[in-house]
Amino acid sequence: LKPEDTAVYYCCAADPTYWSSNLY
């Protein structure tokens, strides 16, 4: 880990019925 990794980290989920090629 680096000081620049300091942040609030958020978890997220895509709905089971939704598919996307772009997870970014």
mmCIF file of all heavy atoms, coordinates in Angstrom:
data_MODEL
# 
_entry.id   MODEL 
# 
loop_
_atom_site.group_PDB 
_atom_site.id 
_atom_site.type_symbol 
_atom_site.label_atom_id 
_atom_site.label_alt_id 
_atom_site.label_comp_id 
_atom_site.label_asym_id 
_atom_site.label_entity_id 
_atom_site.label_seq_id 
_atom_site.pdbx_PDB_ins_code 
_atom_site.Cartn_x 
_atom_site.Cartn_y 
_atom_site.Cartn_z 
_atom_site.occupancy 
_atom_site.B_iso_or_equiv 
_atom_site.pdbx_formal_charge 
_atom_site.auth_seq_id 
_atom_site.auth_comp_id 
_atom_site.auth_asym_id 
_atom_site.auth_atom_id 
_atom_site.pdbx_PDB_model_num 
ATOM 1   N N   . LEU A 1 1  ? 0.816   -1.207  0.000   1.00 0.00 ? 1  LEU A N   1 
ATOM 2   C CA  . LEU A 1 1  ? 0.000   0.000   0.000   1.00 0.00 ? 1  LEU A CA  1 
ATOM 3   C C   . LEU A 1 1  ? 0.854   1.263   0.000   1.00 0.00 ? 1  LEU A C   1 
ATOM 4   O O   . LEU A 1 1  ? 1.942   1.302   0.591   1.00 0.00 ? 1  LEU A O   1 
ATOM 5   C CB  . LEU A 1 1  ? -0.939  -0.010  1.200   1.00 0.00 ? 1  LEU A CB  1 
ATOM 6   C CG  . LEU A 1 1  ? -2.171  -0.911  1.026   1.00 0.00 ? 1  LEU A CG  1 
ATOM 7   C CD1 . LEU A 1 1  ? -2.799  -1.253  2.365   1.00 0.00 ? 1  LEU A CD1 1 
ATOM 8   C CD2 . LEU A 1 1  ? -3.179  -0.230  0.107   1.00 0.00 ? 1  LEU A CD2 1 
ATOM 9   N N   . LYS A 1 2  ? 0.314   2.279   -0.670  1.00 0.00 ? 2  LYS A N   1 
ATOM 10  C CA  . LYS A 1 2  ? 0.986   3.569   -0.791  1.00 0.00 ? 2  LYS A CA  1 
ATOM 11  C C   . LYS A 1 2  ? 0.083   4.651   -0.198  1.00 0.00 ? 2  LYS A C   1 
ATOM 12  O O   . LYS A 1 2  ? -1.142  4.485   -0.171  1.00 0.00 ? 2  LYS A O   1 
ATOM 13  C CB  . LYS A 1 2  ? 1.243   3.885   -2.264  1.00 0.00 ? 2  LYS A CB  1 
ATOM 14  C CG  . LYS A 1 2  ? 1.997   2.813   -3.024  1.00 0.00 ? 2  LYS A CG  1 
ATOM 15  C CD  . LYS A 1 2  ? 2.074   3.162   -4.504  1.00 0.00 ? 2  LYS A CD  1 
ATOM 16  C CE  . LYS A 1 2  ? 2.802   2.079   -5.280  1.00 0.00 ? 2  LYS A CE  1 
ATOM 17  N NZ  . LYS A 1 2  ? 2.885   2.409   -6.735  1.00 0.00 ? 2  LYS A NZ  1 
ATOM 18  N N   . PRO A 1 3  ? 0.678   5.774   0.207   1.00 0.00 ? 3  PRO A N   1 
ATOM 19  C CA  . PRO A 1 3  ? -0.172  6.855   0.735   1.00 0.00 ? 3  PRO A CA  1 
ATOM 20  C C   . PRO A 1 3  ? -1.256  7.292   -0.250  1.00 0.00 ? 3  PRO A C   1 
ATOM 21  O O   . PRO A 1 3  ? -2.355  7.672   0.176   1.00 0.00 ? 3  PRO A O   1 
ATOM 22  C CB  . PRO A 1 3  ? 0.842   7.972   0.999   1.00 0.00 ? 3  PRO A CB  1 
ATOM 23  C CG  . PRO A 1 3  ? 2.111   7.246   1.307   1.00 0.00 ? 3  PRO A CG  1 
ATOM 24  C CD  . PRO A 1 3  ? 2.110   6.052   0.392   1.00 0.00 ? 3  PRO A CD  1 
ATOM 25  N N   . GLU A 1 4  ? -0.958  7.202   -1.535  1.00 0.00 ? 4  GLU A N   1 
ATOM 26  C CA  . GLU A 1 4  ? -1.964  7.612   -2.526  1.00 0.00 ? 4  GLU A CA  1 
ATOM 27  C C   . GLU A 1 4  ? -3.117  6.633   -2.646  1.00 0.00 ? 4  GLU A C   1 
ATOM 28  O O   . GLU A 1 4  ? -4.089  6.890   -3.368  1.00 0.00 ? 4  GLU A O   1 
ATOM 29  C CB  . GLU A 1 4  ? -1.314  7.823   -3.902  1.00 0.00 ? 4  GLU A CB  1 
ATOM 30  C CG  . GLU A 1 4  ? -0.457  6.684   -4.380  1.00 0.00 ? 4  GLU A CG  1 
ATOM 31  C CD  . GLU A 1 4  ? 1.029   6.918   -4.078  1.00 0.00 ? 4  GLU A CD  1 
ATOM 32  O OE1 . GLU A 1 4  ? 1.347   7.378   -2.955  1.00 0.00 ? 4  GLU A OE1 1 
ATOM 33  O OE2 . GLU A 1 4  ? 1.855   6.623   -4.968  1.00 0.00 ? 4  GLU A OE2 1 
ATOM 34  N N   . ASP A 1 5  ? -3.058  5.509   -1.958  1.00 0.00 ? 5  ASP A N   1 
ATOM 35  C CA  . ASP A 1 5  ? -4.196  4.582   -1.903  1.00 0.00 ? 5  ASP A CA  1 
ATOM 36  C C   . ASP A 1 5  ? -5.215  5.010   -0.852  1.00 0.00 ? 5  ASP A C   1 
ATOM 37  O O   . ASP A 1 5  ? -6.296  4.405   -0.758  1.00 0.00 ? 5  ASP A O   1 
ATOM 38  C CB  . ASP A 1 5  ? -3.715  3.168   -1.590  1.00 0.00 ? 5  ASP A CB  1 
ATOM 39  C CG  . ASP A 1 5  ? -2.877  2.565   -2.696  1.00 0.00 ? 5  ASP A CG  1 
ATOM 40  O OD1 . ASP A 1 5  ? -3.236  2.734   -3.884  1.00 0.00 ? 5  ASP A OD1 1 
ATOM 41  O OD2 . ASP A 1 5  ? -1.852  1.925   -2.378  1.00 0.00 ? 5  ASP A OD2 1 
ATOM 42  N N   . THR A 1 6  ? -4.870  6.014   -0.073  1.00 0.00 ? 6  THR A N   1 
ATOM 43  C CA  . THR A 1 6  ? -5.784  6.505   0.954   1.00 0.00 ? 6  THR A CA  1 
ATOM 44  C C   . THR A 1 6  ? -7.068  7.007   0.315   1.00 0.00 ? 6  THR A C   1 
ATOM 45  O O   . THR A 1 6  ? -7.041  7.856   -0.572  1.00 0.00 ? 6  THR A O   1 
ATOM 46  C CB  . THR A 1 6  ? -5.121  7.628   1.763   1.00 0.00 ? 6  THR A CB  1 
ATOM 47  O OG1 . THR A 1 6  ? -4.010  7.086   2.479   1.00 0.00 ? 6  THR A OG1 1 
ATOM 48  C CG2 . THR A 1 6  ? -6.111  8.245   2.744   1.00 0.00 ? 6  THR A CG2 1 
ATOM 49  N N   . ALA A 1 7  ? -8.195  6.461   0.781   1.00 0.00 ? 7  ALA A N   1 
ATOM 50  C CA  . ALA A 1 7  ? -9.486  6.812   0.201   1.00 0.00 ? 7  ALA A CA  1 
ATOM 51  C C   . ALA A 1 7  ? -10.592 6.084   0.953   1.00 0.00 ? 7  ALA A C   1 
ATOM 52  O O   . ALA A 1 7  ? -10.317 5.187   1.763   1.00 0.00 ? 7  ALA A O   1 
ATOM 53  C CB  . ALA A 1 7  ? -9.544  6.421   -1.276  1.00 0.00 ? 7  ALA A CB  1 
ATOM 54  N N   . VAL A 1 8  ? -11.810 6.466   0.651   1.00 0.00 ? 8  VAL A N   1 
ATOM 55  C CA  . VAL A 1 8  ? -12.954 5.665   1.071   1.00 0.00 ? 8  VAL A CA  1 
ATOM 56  C C   . VAL A 1 8  ? -13.200 4.650   -0.040  1.00 0.00 ? 8  VAL A C   1 
ATOM 57  O O   . VAL A 1 8  ? -13.325 5.022   -1.205  1.00 0.00 ? 8  VAL A O   1 
ATOM 58  C CB  . VAL A 1 8  ? -14.207 6.524   1.300   1.00 0.00 ? 8  VAL A CB  1 
ATOM 59  C CG1 . VAL A 1 8  ? -15.402 5.632   1.645   1.00 0.00 ? 8  VAL A CG1 1 
ATOM 60  C CG2 . VAL A 1 8  ? -13.954 7.543   2.404   1.00 0.00 ? 8  VAL A CG2 1 
ATOM 61  N N   . TYR A 1 9  ? -13.239 3.399   0.326   1.00 0.00 ? 9  TYR A N   1 
ATOM 62  C CA  . TYR A 1 9  ? -13.430 2.319   -0.645  1.00 0.00 ? 9  TYR A CA  1 
ATOM 63  C C   . TYR A 1 9  ? -14.883 1.862   -0.615  1.00 0.00 ? 9  TYR A C   1 
ATOM 64  O O   . TYR A 1 9  ? -15.425 1.544   0.446   1.00 0.00 ? 9  TYR A O   1 
ATOM 65  C CB  . TYR A 1 9  ? -12.491 1.157   -0.325  1.00 0.00 ? 9  TYR A CB  1 
ATOM 66  C CG  . TYR A 1 9  ? -11.075 1.439   -0.760  1.00 0.00 ? 9  TYR A CG  1 
ATOM 67  C CD1 . TYR A 1 9  ? -10.298 2.377   -0.089  1.00 0.00 ? 9  TYR A CD1 1 
ATOM 68  C CD2 . TYR A 1 9  ? -10.519 0.786   -1.862  1.00 0.00 ? 9  TYR A CD2 1 
ATOM 69  C CE1 . TYR A 1 9  ? -9.006  2.662   -0.511  1.00 0.00 ? 9  TYR A CE1 1 
ATOM 70  C CE2 . TYR A 1 9  ? -9.232  1.062   -2.282  1.00 0.00 ? 9  TYR A CE2 1 
ATOM 71  C CZ  . TYR A 1 9  ? -8.481  2.004   -1.593  1.00 0.00 ? 9  TYR A CZ  1 
ATOM 72  O OH  . TYR A 1 9  ? -7.197  2.282   -2.015  1.00 0.00 ? 9  TYR A OH  1 
ATOM 73  N N   . TYR A 1 10 ? -15.476 1.827   -1.799  1.00 0.00 ? 10 TYR A N   1 
ATOM 74  C CA  . TYR A 1 10 ? -16.877 1.453   -1.946  1.00 0.00 ? 10 TYR A CA  1 
ATOM 75  C C   . TYR A 1 10 ? -16.997 0.142   -2.701  1.00 0.00 ? 10 TYR A C   1 
ATOM 76  O O   . TYR A 1 10 ? -16.390 -0.049  -3.766  1.00 0.00 ? 10 TYR A O   1 
ATOM 77  C CB  . TYR A 1 10 ? -17.640 2.525   -2.711  1.00 0.00 ? 10 TYR A CB  1 
ATOM 78  C CG  . TYR A 1 10 ? -17.729 3.849   -2.012  1.00 0.00 ? 10 TYR A CG  1 
ATOM 79  C CD1 . TYR A 1 10 ? -16.775 4.828   -2.229  1.00 0.00 ? 10 TYR A CD1 1 
ATOM 80  C CD2 . TYR A 1 10 ? -18.771 4.123   -1.124  1.00 0.00 ? 10 TYR A CD2 1 
ATOM 81  C CE1 . TYR A 1 10 ? -16.849 6.054   -1.587  1.00 0.00 ? 10 TYR A CE1 1 
ATOM 82  C CE2 . TYR A 1 10 ? -18.856 5.344   -0.478  1.00 0.00 ? 10 TYR A CE2 1 
ATOM 83  C CZ  . TYR A 1 10 ? -17.885 6.301   -0.712  1.00 0.00 ? 10 TYR A CZ  1 
ATOM 84  O OH  . TYR A 1 10 ? -17.965 7.512   -0.068  1.00 0.00 ? 10 TYR A OH  1 
ATOM 85  N N   . CYS A 1 11 ? -17.822 -0.722  -2.185  1.00 0.00 ? 11 CYS A N   1 
ATOM 86  C CA  . CYS A 1 11 ? -18.183 -1.961  -2.850  1.00 0.00 ? 11 CYS A CA  1 
ATOM 87  C C   . CYS A 1 11 ? -19.464 -1.728  -3.650  1.00 0.00 ? 11 CYS A C   1 
ATOM 88  O O   . CYS A 1 11 ? -20.323 -0.928  -3.229  1.00 0.00 ? 11 CYS A O   1 
ATOM 89  C CB  . CYS A 1 11 ? -18.385 -3.023  -1.770  1.00 0.00 ? 11 CYS A CB  1 
ATOM 90  S SG  . CYS A 1 11 ? -19.264 -4.483  -2.273  1.00 0.00 ? 11 CYS A SG  1 
ATOM 91  N N   . CYS A 1 12 ? -19.592 -2.422  -4.780  1.00 0.00 ? 12 CYS A N   1 
ATOM 92  C CA  . CYS A 1 12 ? -20.807 -2.259  -5.577  1.00 0.00 ? 12 CYS A CA  1 
ATOM 93  C C   . CYS A 1 12 ? -21.133 -3.571  -6.281  1.00 0.00 ? 12 CYS A C   1 
ATOM 94  O O   . CYS A 1 12 ? -20.261 -4.421  -6.456  1.00 0.00 ? 12 CYS A O   1 
ATOM 95  C CB  . CYS A 1 12 ? -20.638 -1.137  -6.583  1.00 0.00 ? 12 CYS A CB  1 
ATOM 96  S SG  . CYS A 1 12 ? -19.151 -1.253  -7.593  1.00 0.00 ? 12 CYS A SG  1 
ATOM 97  N N   . ALA A 1 13 ? -22.388 -3.698  -6.673  1.00 0.00 ? 13 ALA A N   1 
ATOM 98  C CA  . ALA A 1 13 ? -22.846 -4.925  -7.308  1.00 0.00 ? 13 ALA A CA  1 
ATOM 99  C C   . ALA A 1 13 ? -23.763 -4.609  -8.481  1.00 0.00 ? 13 ALA A C   1 
ATOM 100 O O   . ALA A 1 13 ? -24.576 -3.676  -8.411  1.00 0.00 ? 13 ALA A O   1 
ATOM 101 C CB  . ALA A 1 13 ? -23.580 -5.810  -6.307  1.00 0.00 ? 13 ALA A CB  1 
ATOM 102 N N   . ALA A 1 14 ? -23.614 -5.393  -9.534  1.00 0.00 ? 14 ALA A N   1 
ATOM 103 C CA  . ALA A 1 14 ? -24.497 -5.272  -10.694 1.00 0.00 ? 14 ALA A CA  1 
ATOM 104 C C   . ALA A 1 14 ? -25.652 -6.252  -10.553 1.00 0.00 ? 14 ALA A C   1 
ATOM 105 O O   . ALA A 1 14 ? -25.458 -7.389  -10.118 1.00 0.00 ? 14 ALA A O   1 
ATOM 106 C CB  . ALA A 1 14 ? -23.725 -5.549  -11.974 1.00 0.00 ? 14 ALA A CB  1 
ATOM 107 N N   . ASP A 1 15 ? -26.828 -5.815  -10.931 1.00 0.00 ? 15 ASP A N   1 
ATOM 108 C CA  . ASP A 1 15 ? -28.008 -6.669  -10.813 1.00 0.00 ? 15 ASP A CA  1 
ATOM 109 C C   . ASP A 1 15 ? -27.823 -7.972  -11.588 1.00 0.00 ? 15 ASP A C   1 
ATOM 110 O O   . ASP A 1 15 ? -27.219 -7.965  -12.666 1.00 0.00 ? 15 ASP A O   1 
ATOM 111 C CB  . ASP A 1 15 ? -29.225 -5.913  -11.341 1.00 0.00 ? 15 ASP A CB  1 
ATOM 112 C CG  . ASP A 1 15 ? -30.511 -6.585  -10.957 1.00 0.00 ? 15 ASP A CG  1 
ATOM 113 O OD1 . ASP A 1 15 ? -31.013 -6.314  -9.858  1.00 0.00 ? 15 ASP A OD1 1 
ATOM 114 O OD2 . ASP A 1 15 ? -30.994 -7.407  -11.768 1.00 0.00 ? 15 ASP A OD2 1 
ATOM 115 N N   . PRO A 1 16 ? -28.364 -9.077  -11.082 1.00 0.00 ? 16 PRO A N   1 
ATOM 116 C CA  . PRO A 1 16 ? -28.215 -10.364 -11.771 1.00 0.00 ? 16 PRO A CA  1 
ATOM 117 C C   . PRO A 1 16 ? -28.774 -10.356 -13.191 1.00 0.00 ? 16 PRO A C   1 
ATOM 118 O O   . PRO A 1 16 ? -28.317 -11.130 -14.047 1.00 0.00 ? 16 PRO A O   1 
ATOM 119 C CB  . PRO A 1 16 ? -29.026 -11.326 -10.895 1.00 0.00 ? 16 PRO A CB  1 
ATOM 120 C CG  . PRO A 1 16 ? -29.049 -10.697 -9.561  1.00 0.00 ? 16 PRO A CG  1 
ATOM 121 C CD  . PRO A 1 16 ? -29.049 -9.228  -9.804  1.00 0.00 ? 16 PRO A CD  1 
ATOM 122 N N   . THR A 1 17 ? -29.753 -9.495  -13.460 1.00 0.00 ? 17 THR A N   1 
ATOM 123 C CA  . THR A 1 17 ? -30.379 -9.472  -14.780 1.00 0.00 ? 17 THR A CA  1 
ATOM 124 C C   . THR A 1 17 ? -29.626 -8.579  -15.769 1.00 0.00 ? 17 THR A C   1 
ATOM 125 O O   . THR A 1 17 ? -30.002 -8.487  -16.941 1.00 0.00 ? 17 THR A O   1 
ATOM 126 C CB  . THR A 1 17 ? -31.820 -8.953  -14.675 1.00 0.00 ? 17 THR A CB  1 
ATOM 127 O OG1 . THR A 1 17 ? -31.791 -7.600  -14.195 1.00 0.00 ? 17 THR A OG1 1 
ATOM 128 C CG2 . THR A 1 17 ? -32.648 -9.809  -13.721 1.00 0.00 ? 17 THR A CG2 1 
ATOM 129 N N   . TYR A 1 18 ? -28.559 -7.967  -15.311 1.00 0.00 ? 18 TYR A N   1 
ATOM 130 C CA  . TYR A 1 18 ? -27.844 -6.979  -16.132 1.00 0.00 ? 18 TYR A CA  1 
ATOM 131 C C   . TYR A 1 18 ? -26.454 -7.479  -16.440 1.00 0.00 ? 18 TYR A C   1 
ATOM 132 O O   . TYR A 1 18 ? -25.721 -7.949  -15.562 1.00 0.00 ? 18 TYR A O   1 
ATOM 133 C CB  . TYR A 1 18 ? -27.768 -5.654  -15.388 1.00 0.00 ? 18 TYR A CB  1 
ATOM 134 C CG  . TYR A 1 18 ? -27.093 -4.540  -16.147 1.00 0.00 ? 18 TYR A CG  1 
ATOM 135 C CD1 . TYR A 1 18 ? -27.770 -3.824  -17.126 1.00 0.00 ? 18 TYR A CD1 1 
ATOM 136 C CD2 . TYR A 1 18 ? -25.774 -4.191  -15.879 1.00 0.00 ? 18 TYR A CD2 1 
ATOM 137 C CE1 . TYR A 1 18 ? -27.160 -2.805  -17.820 1.00 0.00 ? 18 TYR A CE1 1 
ATOM 138 C CE2 . TYR A 1 18 ? -25.152 -3.169  -16.567 1.00 0.00 ? 18 TYR A CE2 1 
ATOM 139 C CZ  . TYR A 1 18 ? -25.851 -2.477  -17.538 1.00 0.00 ? 18 TYR A CZ  1 
ATOM 140 O OH  . TYR A 1 18 ? -25.246 -1.467  -18.232 1.00 0.00 ? 18 TYR A OH  1 
ATOM 141 N N   . TRP A 1 19 ? -26.076 -7.389  -17.695 1.00 0.00 ? 19 TRP A N   1 
ATOM 142 C CA  . TRP A 1 19 ? -24.713 -7.758  -18.089 1.00 0.00 ? 19 TRP A CA  1 
ATOM 143 C C   . TRP A 1 19 ? -24.103 -6.624  -18.878 1.00 0.00 ? 19 TRP A C   1 
ATOM 144 O O   . TRP A 1 19 ? -24.719 -6.071  -19.784 1.00 0.00 ? 19 TRP A O   1 
ATOM 145 C CB  . TRP A 1 19 ? -24.711 -9.043  -18.926 1.00 0.00 ? 19 TRP A CB  1 
ATOM 146 C CG  . TRP A 1 19 ? -23.326 -9.549  -19.161 1.00 0.00 ? 19 TRP A CG  1 
ATOM 147 C CD1 . TRP A 1 19 ? -22.620 -10.441 -18.388 1.00 0.00 ? 19 TRP A CD1 1 
ATOM 148 C CD2 . TRP A 1 19 ? -22.446 -9.191  -20.239 1.00 0.00 ? 19 TRP A CD2 1 
ATOM 149 N NE1 . TRP A 1 19 ? -21.372 -10.642 -18.921 1.00 0.00 ? 19 TRP A NE1 1 
ATOM 150 C CE2 . TRP A 1 19 ? -21.230 -9.903  -20.049 1.00 0.00 ? 19 TRP A CE2 1 
ATOM 151 C CE3 . TRP A 1 19 ? -22.567 -8.346  -21.340 1.00 0.00 ? 19 TRP A CE3 1 
ATOM 152 C CZ2 . TRP A 1 19 ? -20.153 -9.789  -20.920 1.00 0.00 ? 19 TRP A CZ2 1 
ATOM 153 C CZ3 . TRP A 1 19 ? -21.490 -8.216  -22.206 1.00 0.00 ? 19 TRP A CZ3 1 
ATOM 154 C CH2 . TRP A 1 19 ? -20.300 -8.934  -21.999 1.00 0.00 ? 19 TRP A CH2 1 
ATOM 155 N N   . SER A 1 20 ? -22.888 -6.281  -18.544 1.00 0.00 ? 20 SER A N   1 
ATOM 156 C CA  . SER A 1 20 ? -22.180 -5.234  -19.276 1.00 0.00 ? 20 SER A CA  1 
ATOM 157 C C   . SER A 1 20 ? -20.770 -5.691  -19.565 1.00 0.00 ? 20 SER A C   1 
ATOM 158 O O   . SER A 1 20 ? -20.143 -6.367  -18.749 1.00 0.00 ? 20 SER A O   1 
ATOM 159 C CB  . SER A 1 20 ? -22.143 -3.947  -18.455 1.00 0.00 ? 20 SER A CB  1 
ATOM 160 O OG  . SER A 1 20 ? -21.321 -2.983  -19.069 1.00 0.00 ? 20 SER A OG  1 
ATOM 161 N N   . SER A 1 21 ? -20.281 -5.304  -20.734 1.00 0.00 ? 21 SER A N   1 
ATOM 162 C CA  . SER A 1 21 ? -18.888 -5.609  -21.066 1.00 0.00 ? 21 SER A CA  1 
ATOM 163 C C   . SER A 1 21 ? -17.927 -4.666  -20.345 1.00 0.00 ? 21 SER A C   1 
ATOM 164 O O   . SER A 1 21 ? -16.737 -4.929  -20.280 1.00 0.00 ? 21 SER A O   1 
ATOM 165 C CB  . SER A 1 21 ? -18.682 -5.503  -22.582 1.00 0.00 ? 21 SER A CB  1 
ATOM 166 O OG  . SER A 1 21 ? -18.965 -4.177  -23.012 1.00 0.00 ? 21 SER A OG  1 
ATOM 167 N N   . ASN A 1 22 ? -18.454 -3.584  -19.823 1.00 0.00 ? 22 ASN A N   1 
ATOM 168 C CA  . ASN A 1 22 ? -17.616 -2.555  -19.199 1.00 0.00 ? 22 ASN A CA  1 
ATOM 169 C C   . ASN A 1 22 ? -17.848 -2.530  -17.692 1.00 0.00 ? 22 ASN A C   1 
ATOM 170 O O   . ASN A 1 22 ? -18.833 -1.979  -17.211 1.00 0.00 ? 22 ASN A O   1 
ATOM 171 C CB  . ASN A 1 22 ? -17.931 -1.188  -19.806 1.00 0.00 ? 22 ASN A CB  1 
ATOM 172 C CG  . ASN A 1 22 ? -16.983 -0.111  -19.312 1.00 0.00 ? 22 ASN A CG  1 
ATOM 173 O OD1 . ASN A 1 22 ? -16.223 -0.342  -18.375 1.00 0.00 ? 22 ASN A OD1 1 
ATOM 174 N ND2 . ASN A 1 22 ? -17.012 1.041   -19.934 1.00 0.00 ? 22 ASN A ND2 1 
ATOM 175 N N   . LEU A 1 23 ? -16.937 -3.127  -16.963 1.00 0.00 ? 23 LEU A N   1 
ATOM 176 C CA  . LEU A 1 23 ? -17.041 -3.148  -15.504 1.00 0.00 ? 23 LEU A CA  1 
ATOM 177 C C   . LEU A 1 23 ? -16.289 -2.001  -14.864 1.00 0.00 ? 23 LEU A C   1 
ATOM 178 O O   . LEU A 1 23 ? -16.196 -1.935  -13.644 1.00 0.00 ? 23 LEU A O   1 
ATOM 179 C CB  . LEU A 1 23 ? -16.511 -4.474  -14.958 1.00 0.00 ? 23 LEU A CB  1 
ATOM 180 C CG  . LEU A 1 23 ? -17.253 -5.727  -15.402 1.00 0.00 ? 23 LEU A CG  1 
ATOM 181 C CD1 . LEU A 1 23 ? -16.763 -6.948  -14.622 1.00 0.00 ? 23 LEU A CD1 1 
ATOM 182 C CD2 . LEU A 1 23 ? -18.759 -5.582  -15.238 1.00 0.00 ? 23 LEU A CD2 1 
ATOM 183 N N   . TYR A 1 24 ? -15.752 -1.097  -15.681 1.00 0.00 ? 24 TYR A N   1 
ATOM 184 C CA  . TYR A 1 24 ? -14.940 -0.010  -15.170 1.00 0.00 ? 24 TYR A CA  1 
ATOM 185 C C   . TYR A 1 24 ? -15.751 1.243   -14.845 1.00 0.00 ? 24 TYR A C   1 
ATOM 186 O O   . TYR A 1 24 ? -15.223 2.171   -14.239 1.00 0.00 ? 24 TYR A O   1 
ATOM 187 C CB  . TYR A 1 24 ? -13.871 0.371   -16.195 1.00 0.00 ? 24 TYR A CB  1 
ATOM 188 C CG  . TYR A 1 24 ? -12.915 -0.750  -16.530 1.00 0.00 ? 24 TYR A CG  1 
ATOM 189 C CD1 . TYR A 1 24 ? -13.203 -1.667  -17.521 1.00 0.00 ? 24 TYR A CD1 1 
ATOM 190 C CD2 . TYR A 1 24 ? -11.712 -0.877  -15.845 1.00 0.00 ? 24 TYR A CD2 1 
ATOM 191 C CE1 . TYR A 1 24 ? -12.332 -2.703  -17.833 1.00 0.00 ? 24 TYR A CE1 1 
ATOM 192 C CE2 . TYR A 1 24 ? -10.818 -1.893  -16.153 1.00 0.00 ? 24 TYR A CE2 1 
ATOM 193 C CZ  . TYR A 1 24 ? -11.143 -2.804  -17.139 1.00 0.00 ? 24 TYR A CZ  1 
ATOM 194 O OH  . TYR A 1 24 ? -10.270 -3.820  -17.436 1.00 0.00 ? 24 TYR A OH  1 
# 
